Amino acid sequence: MKSLSFSLLLLALFMAGCETPEVPVFVNPIDTTTVPGEEPHINPALVIFVETPDAGLGTAVKVSVTARVVEGLSGVHVQLNYNRYILEYTGATLGQFFTAAGESWIFDEVDGENGKLDIYTSYLSHDQVDLTGTGAIVELTFTAISTGEAAIDFIQNQCRFVDAGNVEIDILEFVDGVIVVQ
């Protein structure tokens, strides 16, 4: 009986000393809903969404530049910085937001010496002059050329959303991205 009491006492002390660890909640920056307990998203927004934030040396890394909850969008100019010592820019393609609805074009201007990238794109369609919703505007590809943590961030005062009349649409939130190369 004494050993049972001692065992129960040890079990009670063990259980009282254990804490349930808090599980971190992943907040998807392109999700249009708000996670309970988190700050609500401010829209419209421009988001860098890194498909795989951890990359191996020499691998291609895909990054989506995404418009979140935007109305009446016809054109976009994005200027961003990236760590040129860790990432090498290799190209851009149109994202599904514009391509799913019709004809579009893209133009990129790269300053590899300074790790700066300008992307211009516009939606061209005779059926519909602008788009509303959330989606990838452009898909960027980088090659991991060195190890470390590489931020990809917007130069906010150079980024623009415009409607079909070339009237600027305010971008209320910018969400930058990070790639860790190991």
N, C-alpha and C. Protein backbone atom coordinates (compact mmCIF):
# COMPACT_ATOMS: atom_id res chain seq x y z
N MET A 1 0.83 -1.18 0.00
CA MET A 1 0.00 0.00 0.00
C MET A 1 0.88 1.25 0.00
N LYS A 2 2.00 1.16 0.75
CA LYS A 2 2.91 2.29 0.83
C LYS A 2 3.52 2.61 -0.54
N SER A 3 3.88 1.56 -1.31
CA SER A 3 4.49 1.79 -2.62
C SER A 3 3.46 2.32 -3.61
N LEU A 4 2.18 1.92 -3.46
CA LEU A 4 1.13 2.44 -4.33
C LEU A 4 0.91 3.92 -4.05
N SER A 5 0.89 4.32 -2.80
CA SER A 5 0.72 5.73 -2.43
C SER A 5 1.89 6.55 -2.94
N PHE A 6 3.09 6.00 -2.78
CA PHE A 6 4.29 6.70 -3.25
C PHE A 6 4.25 6.85 -4.77
N SER A 7 3.83 5.80 -5.48
CA SER A 7 3.73 5.84 -6.95
C SER A 7 2.70 6.87 -7.39
N LEU A 8 1.55 6.90 -6.71
CA LEU A 8 0.52 7.87 -7.05
C LEU A 8 1.01 9.30 -6.78
N LEU A 9 1.76 9.50 -5.69
CA LEU A 9 2.31 10.81 -5.37
C LEU A 9 3.30 11.24 -6.45
N LEU A 10 4.18 10.32 -6.87
CA LEU A 10 5.14 10.64 -7.94
C LEU A 10 4.42 10.96 -9.25
N LEU A 11 3.39 10.19 -9.58
CA LEU A 11 2.63 10.43 -10.80
C LEU A 11 1.95 11.80 -10.75
N ALA A 12 1.37 12.16 -9.63
CA ALA A 12 0.71 13.45 -9.48
C ALA A 12 1.71 14.59 -9.61
N LEU A 13 2.90 14.43 -8.98
CA LEU A 13 3.93 15.46 -9.10
C LEU A 13 4.43 15.57 -10.54
N PHE A 14 4.59 14.45 -11.20
CA PHE A 14 5.05 14.46 -12.59
C PHE A 14 4.04 15.17 -13.49
N MET A 15 2.77 14.85 -13.32
CA MET A 15 1.74 15.45 -14.16
C MET A 15 1.59 16.94 -13.86
N ALA A 16 1.74 17.32 -12.62
CA ALA A 16 1.63 18.74 -12.26
C ALA A 16 2.81 19.53 -12.83
N GLY A 17 3.94 18.87 -13.00
CA GLY A 17 5.12 19.56 -13.50
C GLY A 17 5.17 19.64 -15.02
N CYS A 18 4.32 18.89 -15.68
CA CYS A 18 4.31 18.91 -17.15
C CYS A 18 3.43 20.04 -17.65
N GLU A 19 3.93 20.73 -18.61
CA GLU A 19 3.13 21.78 -19.24
C GLU A 19 2.82 21.35 -20.66
N THR A 20 1.66 21.71 -21.11
CA THR A 20 1.31 21.45 -22.50
C THR A 20 1.93 22.55 -23.34
N PRO A 21 2.80 22.17 -24.26
CA PRO A 21 3.44 23.21 -25.08
C PRO A 21 2.44 23.87 -26.01
N GLU A 22 2.65 25.16 -26.23
CA GLU A 22 1.79 25.89 -27.14
C GLU A 22 2.22 25.58 -28.56
N VAL A 23 1.28 25.20 -29.38
CA VAL A 23 1.57 24.89 -30.77
C VAL A 23 1.44 26.17 -31.58
N PRO A 24 2.51 26.55 -32.28
CA PRO A 24 2.41 27.77 -33.07
C PRO A 24 1.41 27.62 -34.20
N VAL A 25 0.68 28.68 -34.48
CA VAL A 25 -0.30 28.69 -35.55
C VAL A 25 0.34 29.32 -36.77
N PHE A 26 0.32 28.59 -37.89
CA PHE A 26 0.85 29.14 -39.13
C PHE A 26 -0.19 30.09 -39.70
N VAL A 27 0.21 31.32 -39.94
CA VAL A 27 -0.67 32.30 -40.54
C VAL A 27 -0.28 32.43 -42.00
N ASN A 28 -1.15 31.98 -42.87
CA ASN A 28 -0.92 32.05 -44.30
C ASN A 28 -1.14 33.49 -44.76
N PRO A 29 -0.12 34.16 -45.28
CA PRO A 29 -0.27 35.57 -45.63
C PRO A 29 -1.19 35.84 -46.81
N ILE A 30 -1.53 34.81 -47.59
CA ILE A 30 -2.45 35.05 -48.70
C ILE A 30 -3.86 34.53 -48.41
N ASP A 31 -4.06 33.99 -47.21
CA ASP A 31 -5.39 33.56 -46.82
C ASP A 31 -6.23 34.79 -46.54
N THR A 32 -7.43 34.83 -47.08
CA THR A 32 -8.27 36.00 -46.91
C THR A 32 -9.09 35.97 -45.62
N THR A 33 -9.02 34.86 -44.88
CA THR A 33 -9.71 34.79 -43.60
C THR A 33 -8.72 35.07 -42.47
N THR A 34 -9.23 35.45 -41.33
CA THR A 34 -8.40 35.78 -40.19
C THR A 34 -8.42 34.64 -39.19
N VAL A 35 -7.25 34.28 -38.69
CA VAL A 35 -7.13 33.24 -37.67
C VAL A 35 -7.54 33.84 -36.33
N PRO A 36 -8.41 33.14 -35.56
CA PRO A 36 -8.80 33.66 -34.25
C PRO A 36 -7.57 33.96 -33.38
N GLY A 37 -7.56 35.12 -32.77
CA GLY A 37 -6.45 35.52 -31.91
C GLY A 37 -5.35 36.26 -32.65
N GLU A 38 -5.39 36.28 -33.97
CA GLU A 38 -4.38 36.98 -34.77
C GLU A 38 -4.94 38.32 -35.25
N GLU A 39 -4.03 39.21 -35.58
CA GLU A 39 -4.44 40.49 -36.15
C GLU A 39 -5.08 40.25 -37.52
N PRO A 40 -6.17 40.95 -37.81
CA PRO A 40 -6.79 40.77 -39.13
C PRO A 40 -5.91 41.33 -40.23
N HIS A 41 -6.01 40.72 -41.41
CA HIS A 41 -5.29 41.22 -42.57
C HIS A 41 -5.87 42.57 -42.98
N ILE A 42 -5.03 43.43 -43.53
CA ILE A 42 -5.47 44.71 -44.06
C ILE A 42 -5.38 44.60 -45.57
N ASN A 43 -6.47 44.87 -46.24
CA ASN A 43 -6.52 44.70 -47.69
C ASN A 43 -6.95 45.98 -48.38
N PRO A 44 -6.59 46.16 -49.64
CA PRO A 44 -5.82 45.25 -50.48
C PRO A 44 -4.36 45.21 -50.05
N ALA A 45 -3.73 44.10 -50.38
CA ALA A 45 -2.35 43.88 -49.95
C ALA A 45 -1.51 43.31 -51.09
N LEU A 46 -0.21 43.47 -50.94
CA LEU A 46 0.77 42.90 -51.84
C LEU A 46 1.64 41.97 -50.99
N VAL A 47 1.69 40.69 -51.38
CA VAL A 47 2.30 39.66 -50.53
C VAL A 47 3.36 38.89 -51.31
N ILE A 48 4.52 38.68 -50.69
CA ILE A 48 5.51 37.76 -51.22
C ILE A 48 5.28 36.43 -50.53
N PHE A 49 4.92 35.43 -51.32
CA PHE A 49 4.65 34.11 -50.79
C PHE A 49 5.73 33.16 -51.30
N VAL A 50 6.54 32.65 -50.38
CA VAL A 50 7.63 31.74 -50.73
C VAL A 50 7.09 30.32 -50.65
N GLU A 51 7.13 29.62 -51.78
CA GLU A 51 6.59 28.26 -51.85
C GLU A 51 7.26 27.33 -50.84
N THR A 52 8.59 27.34 -50.81
CA THR A 52 9.37 26.54 -49.88
C THR A 52 10.41 27.44 -49.23
N PRO A 53 10.16 27.92 -48.00
CA PRO A 53 11.07 28.89 -47.38
C PRO A 53 12.47 28.36 -47.08
N ASP A 54 12.62 27.04 -46.97
CA ASP A 54 13.94 26.43 -46.75
C ASP A 54 14.42 25.83 -48.06
N ALA A 55 15.62 26.22 -48.48
CA ALA A 55 16.14 25.76 -49.77
C ALA A 55 17.55 25.23 -49.60
N GLY A 56 17.92 24.34 -50.49
CA GLY A 56 19.28 23.83 -50.52
C GLY A 56 20.12 24.64 -51.50
N LEU A 57 21.39 24.66 -51.26
CA LEU A 57 22.33 25.37 -52.13
C LEU A 57 22.21 24.84 -53.56
N GLY A 58 22.10 25.75 -54.51
CA GLY A 58 22.01 25.39 -55.92
C GLY A 58 20.60 25.09 -56.42
N THR A 59 19.62 25.12 -55.54
CA THR A 59 18.25 24.81 -55.95
C THR A 59 17.51 26.05 -56.45
N ALA A 60 16.49 25.82 -57.25
CA ALA A 60 15.61 26.89 -57.71
C ALA A 60 14.55 27.13 -56.64
N VAL A 61 14.28 28.39 -56.38
CA VAL A 61 13.30 28.77 -55.37
C VAL A 61 12.21 29.58 -56.06
N LYS A 62 10.95 29.16 -55.89
CA LYS A 62 9.81 29.84 -56.49
C LYS A 62 9.18 30.78 -55.48
N VAL A 63 8.88 31.98 -55.94
CA VAL A 63 8.28 33.02 -55.10
C VAL A 63 7.11 33.63 -55.86
N SER A 64 5.95 33.71 -55.21
CA SER A 64 4.78 34.34 -55.82
C SER A 64 4.62 35.75 -55.27
N VAL A 65 4.43 36.69 -56.18
CA VAL A 65 4.03 38.04 -55.77
C VAL A 65 2.52 38.06 -55.96
N THR A 66 1.80 38.20 -54.85
CA THR A 66 0.36 37.99 -54.82
C THR A 66 -0.40 39.25 -54.43
N ALA A 67 -1.49 39.50 -55.13
CA ALA A 67 -2.44 40.55 -54.75
C ALA A 67 -3.48 39.88 -53.86
N ARG A 68 -3.73 40.48 -52.70
CA ARG A 68 -4.72 39.92 -51.78
C ARG A 68 -5.90 40.87 -51.65
N VAL A 69 -7.07 40.40 -51.99
CA VAL A 69 -8.35 41.10 -51.89
C VAL A 69 -8.26 42.50 -52.52
N VAL A 70 -8.13 42.52 -53.83
CA VAL A 70 -8.06 43.78 -54.57
C VAL A 70 -9.26 43.85 -55.51
N GLU A 71 -9.77 45.06 -55.73
CA GLU A 71 -10.92 45.25 -56.61
C GLU A 71 -10.53 46.14 -57.78
N GLY A 72 -10.94 45.75 -58.99
CA GLY A 72 -10.75 46.57 -60.17
C GLY A 72 -9.32 46.67 -60.66
N LEU A 73 -8.53 45.62 -60.50
CA LEU A 73 -7.11 45.66 -60.85
C LEU A 73 -6.89 45.43 -62.34
N SER A 74 -6.08 46.30 -62.95
CA SER A 74 -5.71 46.14 -64.36
C SER A 74 -4.21 46.11 -64.58
N GLY A 75 -3.44 46.79 -63.71
CA GLY A 75 -2.00 46.84 -63.88
C GLY A 75 -1.26 46.87 -62.55
N VAL A 76 -0.01 46.40 -62.59
CA VAL A 76 0.80 46.32 -61.37
C VAL A 76 2.24 46.69 -61.70
N HIS A 77 2.84 47.48 -60.82
CA HIS A 77 4.30 47.68 -60.83
C HIS A 77 4.79 47.29 -59.45
N VAL A 78 5.75 46.38 -59.42
CA VAL A 78 6.34 45.93 -58.16
C VAL A 78 7.84 46.17 -58.24
N GLN A 79 8.38 46.79 -57.20
CA GLN A 79 9.83 46.92 -57.08
C GLN A 79 10.22 46.27 -55.76
N LEU A 80 11.23 45.40 -55.84
CA LEU A 80 11.64 44.72 -54.61
C LEU A 80 13.15 44.55 -54.56
N ASN A 81 13.63 44.35 -53.34
CA ASN A 81 15.04 44.06 -53.08
C ASN A 81 15.17 42.60 -52.70
N TYR A 82 16.30 42.00 -53.09
CA TYR A 82 16.61 40.64 -52.66
C TYR A 82 18.11 40.60 -52.36
N ASN A 83 18.50 39.65 -51.55
CA ASN A 83 19.90 39.52 -51.17
C ASN A 83 20.68 38.88 -52.31
N ARG A 84 21.41 39.68 -53.07
CA ARG A 84 22.13 39.21 -54.26
C ARG A 84 23.30 38.29 -53.92
N TYR A 85 23.72 38.28 -52.67
CA TYR A 85 24.82 37.41 -52.27
C TYR A 85 24.34 35.98 -52.00
N ILE A 86 23.03 35.83 -51.79
CA ILE A 86 22.46 34.52 -51.49
C ILE A 86 21.57 34.01 -52.63
N LEU A 87 20.89 34.95 -53.30
CA LEU A 87 19.96 34.59 -54.36
C LEU A 87 20.36 35.22 -55.69
N GLU A 88 20.15 34.47 -56.76
CA GLU A 88 20.35 35.00 -58.11
C GLU A 88 19.00 34.92 -58.82
N TYR A 89 18.54 36.07 -59.31
CA TYR A 89 17.26 36.11 -60.03
C TYR A 89 17.41 35.43 -61.38
N THR A 90 16.49 34.50 -61.71
CA THR A 90 16.60 33.80 -62.99
C THR A 90 15.40 34.00 -63.91
N GLY A 91 14.31 34.59 -63.41
CA GLY A 91 13.20 34.86 -64.33
C GLY A 91 11.86 35.02 -63.66
N ALA A 92 10.90 35.47 -64.49
CA ALA A 92 9.54 35.69 -64.02
C ALA A 92 8.55 35.19 -65.07
N THR A 93 7.43 34.69 -64.60
CA THR A 93 6.32 34.32 -65.47
C THR A 93 5.05 34.92 -64.89
N LEU A 94 4.05 35.07 -65.72
CA LEU A 94 2.78 35.59 -65.25
C LEU A 94 2.14 34.62 -64.26
N GLY A 95 1.53 35.18 -63.22
CA GLY A 95 0.81 34.36 -62.25
C GLY A 95 -0.61 34.09 -62.73
N GLN A 96 -1.29 33.21 -62.04
CA GLN A 96 -2.62 32.78 -62.46
C GLN A 96 -3.68 33.86 -62.35
N PHE A 97 -3.45 34.91 -61.55
CA PHE A 97 -4.48 35.94 -61.37
C PHE A 97 -4.82 36.61 -62.70
N PHE A 98 -3.79 36.96 -63.47
CA PHE A 98 -4.02 37.59 -64.77
C PHE A 98 -4.22 36.56 -65.88
N THR A 99 -3.46 35.48 -65.89
CA THR A 99 -3.52 34.53 -67.01
C THR A 99 -4.83 33.76 -67.05
N ALA A 100 -5.43 33.51 -65.90
CA ALA A 100 -6.69 32.75 -65.87
C ALA A 100 -7.83 33.52 -66.53
N ALA A 101 -7.71 34.84 -66.60
CA ALA A 101 -8.81 35.65 -67.12
C ALA A 101 -8.60 36.12 -68.56
N GLY A 102 -7.44 35.94 -69.12
CA GLY A 102 -7.23 36.41 -70.50
C GLY A 102 -5.80 36.78 -70.78
N GLU A 103 -5.61 37.61 -71.78
CA GLU A 103 -4.28 38.02 -72.20
C GLU A 103 -3.64 38.98 -71.21
N SER A 104 -2.35 38.82 -71.04
CA SER A 104 -1.58 39.69 -70.16
C SER A 104 -0.15 39.77 -70.67
N TRP A 105 0.62 40.68 -70.14
CA TRP A 105 2.03 40.78 -70.48
C TRP A 105 2.83 41.05 -69.22
N ILE A 106 4.12 40.79 -69.32
CA ILE A 106 5.02 41.01 -68.19
C ILE A 106 6.35 41.54 -68.72
N PHE A 107 6.93 42.44 -67.95
CA PHE A 107 8.25 42.98 -68.28
C PHE A 107 9.04 43.06 -66.97
N ASP A 108 10.24 42.52 -66.97
CA ASP A 108 11.07 42.62 -65.76
C ASP A 108 12.35 43.37 -66.08
N GLU A 109 12.78 44.16 -65.12
CA GLU A 109 14.01 44.93 -65.21
C GLU A 109 14.85 44.59 -63.99
N VAL A 110 16.05 44.04 -64.24
CA VAL A 110 16.87 43.50 -63.16
C VAL A 110 18.12 44.35 -62.97
N ASP A 111 18.39 44.70 -61.72
CA ASP A 111 19.65 45.32 -61.33
C ASP A 111 20.34 44.32 -60.40
N GLY A 112 20.99 43.32 -61.01
CA GLY A 112 21.63 42.25 -60.25
C GLY A 112 22.76 42.72 -59.36
N GLU A 113 23.43 43.81 -59.73
CA GLU A 113 24.52 44.37 -58.93
C GLU A 113 24.03 44.85 -57.57
N ASN A 114 22.80 45.35 -57.52
CA ASN A 114 22.24 45.89 -56.28
C ASN A 114 21.12 45.04 -55.70
N GLY A 115 20.79 43.92 -56.34
CA GLY A 115 19.72 43.07 -55.84
C GLY A 115 18.37 43.74 -55.88
N LYS A 116 18.08 44.42 -56.99
CA LYS A 116 16.81 45.14 -57.14
C LYS A 116 16.11 44.63 -58.38
N LEU A 117 14.80 44.50 -58.29
CA LEU A 117 14.00 43.95 -59.37
C LEU A 117 12.74 44.78 -59.55
N ASP A 118 12.45 45.15 -60.80
CA ASP A 118 11.20 45.83 -61.15
C ASP A 118 10.40 44.88 -62.03
N ILE A 119 9.12 44.73 -61.72
CA ILE A 119 8.21 43.90 -62.51
C ILE A 119 7.02 44.77 -62.89
N TYR A 120 6.71 44.77 -64.17
CA TYR A 120 5.54 45.47 -64.68
C TYR A 120 4.65 44.43 -65.35
N THR A 121 3.36 44.48 -65.08
CA THR A 121 2.43 43.57 -65.72
C THR A 121 1.06 44.23 -65.81
N SER A 122 0.32 43.80 -66.82
CA SER A 122 -1.01 44.36 -67.02
C SER A 122 -1.92 43.30 -67.61
N TYR A 123 -3.18 43.44 -67.30
CA TYR A 123 -4.21 42.55 -67.79
C TYR A 123 -4.80 43.18 -69.05
N LEU A 124 -4.85 42.41 -70.12
CA LEU A 124 -5.37 42.90 -71.40
C LEU A 124 -6.50 41.99 -71.87
N SER A 125 -7.70 42.52 -71.89
CA SER A 125 -8.81 41.73 -72.38
C SER A 125 -9.89 42.67 -72.91
N HIS A 126 -10.53 42.25 -73.99
CA HIS A 126 -11.63 43.05 -74.54
C HIS A 126 -12.93 42.75 -73.83
N ASP A 127 -13.01 41.57 -73.20
CA ASP A 127 -14.24 41.15 -72.53
C ASP A 127 -14.42 41.80 -71.16
N GLN A 128 -13.32 41.97 -70.45
CA GLN A 128 -13.38 42.48 -69.08
C GLN A 128 -12.16 43.39 -68.89
N VAL A 129 -12.37 44.58 -68.32
CA VAL A 129 -11.26 45.53 -68.23
C VAL A 129 -10.46 45.45 -66.94
N ASP A 130 -11.00 44.80 -65.92
CA ASP A 130 -10.26 44.69 -64.66
C ASP A 130 -10.66 43.42 -63.92
N LEU A 131 -9.89 43.11 -62.87
CA LEU A 131 -10.09 41.89 -62.10
C LEU A 131 -10.27 42.20 -60.62
N THR A 132 -10.99 41.33 -59.94
CA THR A 132 -11.21 41.46 -58.51
C THR A 132 -10.93 40.12 -57.85
N GLY A 133 -10.25 40.15 -56.69
CA GLY A 133 -10.01 38.92 -55.95
C GLY A 133 -8.62 38.83 -55.37
N THR A 134 -8.14 37.60 -55.22
CA THR A 134 -6.83 37.30 -54.66
C THR A 134 -6.14 36.30 -55.57
N GLY A 135 -4.86 36.56 -55.87
CA GLY A 135 -4.14 35.59 -56.68
C GLY A 135 -2.73 36.05 -57.00
N ALA A 136 -1.94 35.10 -57.52
CA ALA A 136 -0.54 35.38 -57.87
C ALA A 136 -0.50 36.25 -59.13
N ILE A 137 0.19 37.38 -59.02
CA ILE A 137 0.36 38.28 -60.16
C ILE A 137 1.52 37.79 -61.01
N VAL A 138 2.65 37.53 -60.37
CA VAL A 138 3.82 36.99 -61.06
C VAL A 138 4.45 35.90 -60.20
N GLU A 139 5.13 34.98 -60.89
CA GLU A 139 5.89 33.92 -60.24
C GLU A 139 7.36 34.20 -60.54
N LEU A 140 8.14 34.42 -59.50
CA LEU A 140 9.57 34.69 -59.65
C LEU A 140 10.37 33.42 -59.35
N THR A 141 11.50 33.29 -60.02
CA THR A 141 12.38 32.16 -59.74
C THR A 141 13.77 32.70 -59.41
N PHE A 142 14.32 32.22 -58.32
CA PHE A 142 15.67 32.55 -57.88
C PHE A 142 16.45 31.25 -57.78
N THR A 143 17.77 31.34 -57.90
CA THR A 143 18.65 30.22 -57.62
C THR A 143 19.42 30.53 -56.35
N ALA A 144 19.47 29.58 -55.43
CA ALA A 144 20.21 29.75 -54.17
C ALA A 144 21.69 29.56 -54.46
N ILE A 145 22.48 30.63 -54.34
CA ILE A 145 23.91 30.57 -54.70
C ILE A 145 24.84 30.58 -53.49
N SER A 146 24.30 30.82 -52.31
CA SER A 146 25.10 30.84 -51.09
C SER A 146 24.18 30.54 -49.91
N THR A 147 24.74 30.11 -48.80
CA THR A 147 23.92 29.82 -47.62
C THR A 147 23.65 31.09 -46.83
N GLY A 148 22.54 31.08 -46.11
CA GLY A 148 22.17 32.20 -45.26
C GLY A 148 20.69 32.50 -45.38
N GLU A 149 20.29 33.58 -44.72
CA GLU A 149 18.90 34.01 -44.73
C GLU A 149 18.76 35.20 -45.67
N ALA A 150 17.89 35.07 -46.66
CA ALA A 150 17.73 36.11 -47.68
C ALA A 150 16.33 36.69 -47.63
N ALA A 151 16.25 37.97 -47.28
CA ALA A 151 14.97 38.67 -47.30
C ALA A 151 14.64 39.10 -48.72
N ILE A 152 13.38 39.04 -49.04
CA ILE A 152 12.86 39.61 -50.29
C ILE A 152 11.80 40.61 -49.84
N ASP A 153 12.07 41.89 -50.06
CA ASP A 153 11.14 42.87 -49.54
C ASP A 153 10.77 43.92 -50.59
N PHE A 154 9.54 44.41 -50.45
CA PHE A 154 9.01 45.41 -51.35
C PHE A 154 9.63 46.77 -51.06
N ILE A 155 9.89 47.54 -52.10
CA ILE A 155 10.20 48.96 -51.94
C ILE A 155 8.83 49.63 -52.06
N GLN A 156 8.22 49.84 -50.91
CA GLN A 156 6.80 50.16 -50.84
C GLN A 156 6.39 51.40 -51.63
N ASN A 157 7.21 52.43 -51.60
CA ASN A 157 6.81 53.66 -52.29
C ASN A 157 6.93 53.56 -53.81
N GLN A 158 7.41 52.42 -54.31
CA GLN A 158 7.54 52.20 -55.75
C GLN A 158 6.54 51.17 -56.29
N CYS A 159 5.74 50.59 -55.42
CA CYS A 159 4.78 49.57 -55.84
C CYS A 159 3.43 50.21 -56.12
N ARG A 160 2.77 49.75 -57.19
CA ARG A 160 1.50 50.35 -57.60
C ARG A 160 0.52 49.28 -58.09
N PHE A 161 -0.74 49.44 -57.68
CA PHE A 161 -1.88 48.78 -58.31
C PHE A 161 -2.61 49.89 -59.05
N VAL A 162 -3.08 49.62 -60.27
CA VAL A 162 -3.90 50.60 -60.99
C VAL A 162 -5.11 49.92 -61.60
N ASP A 163 -6.17 50.72 -61.80
CA ASP A 163 -7.37 50.20 -62.44
C ASP A 163 -7.31 50.45 -63.95
N ALA A 164 -8.38 50.16 -64.66
CA ALA A 164 -8.40 50.28 -66.12
C ALA A 164 -8.20 51.72 -66.59
N GLY A 165 -8.52 52.71 -65.76
CA GLY A 165 -8.32 54.12 -66.11
C GLY A 165 -6.97 54.64 -65.65
N ASN A 166 -6.08 53.75 -65.24
CA ASN A 166 -4.75 54.09 -64.72
C ASN A 166 -4.82 54.90 -63.42
N VAL A 167 -5.91 54.72 -62.68
CA VAL A 167 -6.08 55.37 -61.38
C VAL A 167 -5.51 54.42 -60.33
N GLU A 168 -4.66 54.97 -59.45
CA GLU A 168 -3.99 54.14 -58.45
C GLU A 168 -4.97 53.59 -57.42
N ILE A 169 -4.78 52.33 -57.08
CA ILE A 169 -5.52 51.65 -56.02
C ILE A 169 -4.57 51.56 -54.83
N ASP A 170 -4.99 52.06 -53.68
CA ASP A 170 -4.12 52.03 -52.50
C ASP A 170 -3.79 50.60 -52.09
N ILE A 171 -2.52 50.37 -51.81
CA ILE A 171 -2.06 49.10 -51.24
C ILE A 171 -1.91 49.35 -49.74
N LEU A 172 -2.71 48.68 -48.94
CA LEU A 172 -2.76 48.97 -47.51
C LEU A 172 -1.84 48.11 -46.66
N GLU A 173 -1.35 46.99 -47.21
CA GLU A 173 -0.43 46.15 -46.44
C GLU A 173 0.57 45.51 -47.39
N PHE A 174 1.82 45.43 -46.94
CA PHE A 174 2.89 44.76 -47.66
C PHE A 174 3.42 43.64 -46.78
N VAL A 175 3.51 42.43 -47.33
CA VAL A 175 4.03 41.30 -46.58
C VAL A 175 5.26 40.78 -47.32
N ASP A 176 6.43 40.96 -46.70
CA ASP A 176 7.70 40.55 -47.30
C ASP A 176 7.95 39.07 -47.06
N GLY A 177 8.96 38.53 -47.73
CA GLY A 177 9.28 37.10 -47.61
C GLY A 177 10.72 36.87 -47.22
N VAL A 178 11.01 35.64 -46.78
CA VAL A 178 12.37 35.25 -46.39
C VAL A 178 12.61 33.83 -46.90
N ILE A 179 13.82 33.62 -47.41
CA ILE A 179 14.25 32.29 -47.83
C ILE A 179 15.50 31.94 -47.04
N VAL A 180 15.54 30.76 -46.45
CA VAL A 180 16.70 30.28 -45.71
C VAL A 180 17.38 29.22 -46.55
N VAL A 181 18.62 29.50 -46.95
CA VAL A 181 19.38 28.56 -47.77
C VAL A 181 20.39 27.84 -46.87
N GLN A 182 20.34 26.51 -46.90
CA GLN A 182 21.22 25.71 -46.04
C GLN A 182 22.09 24.79 -46.86
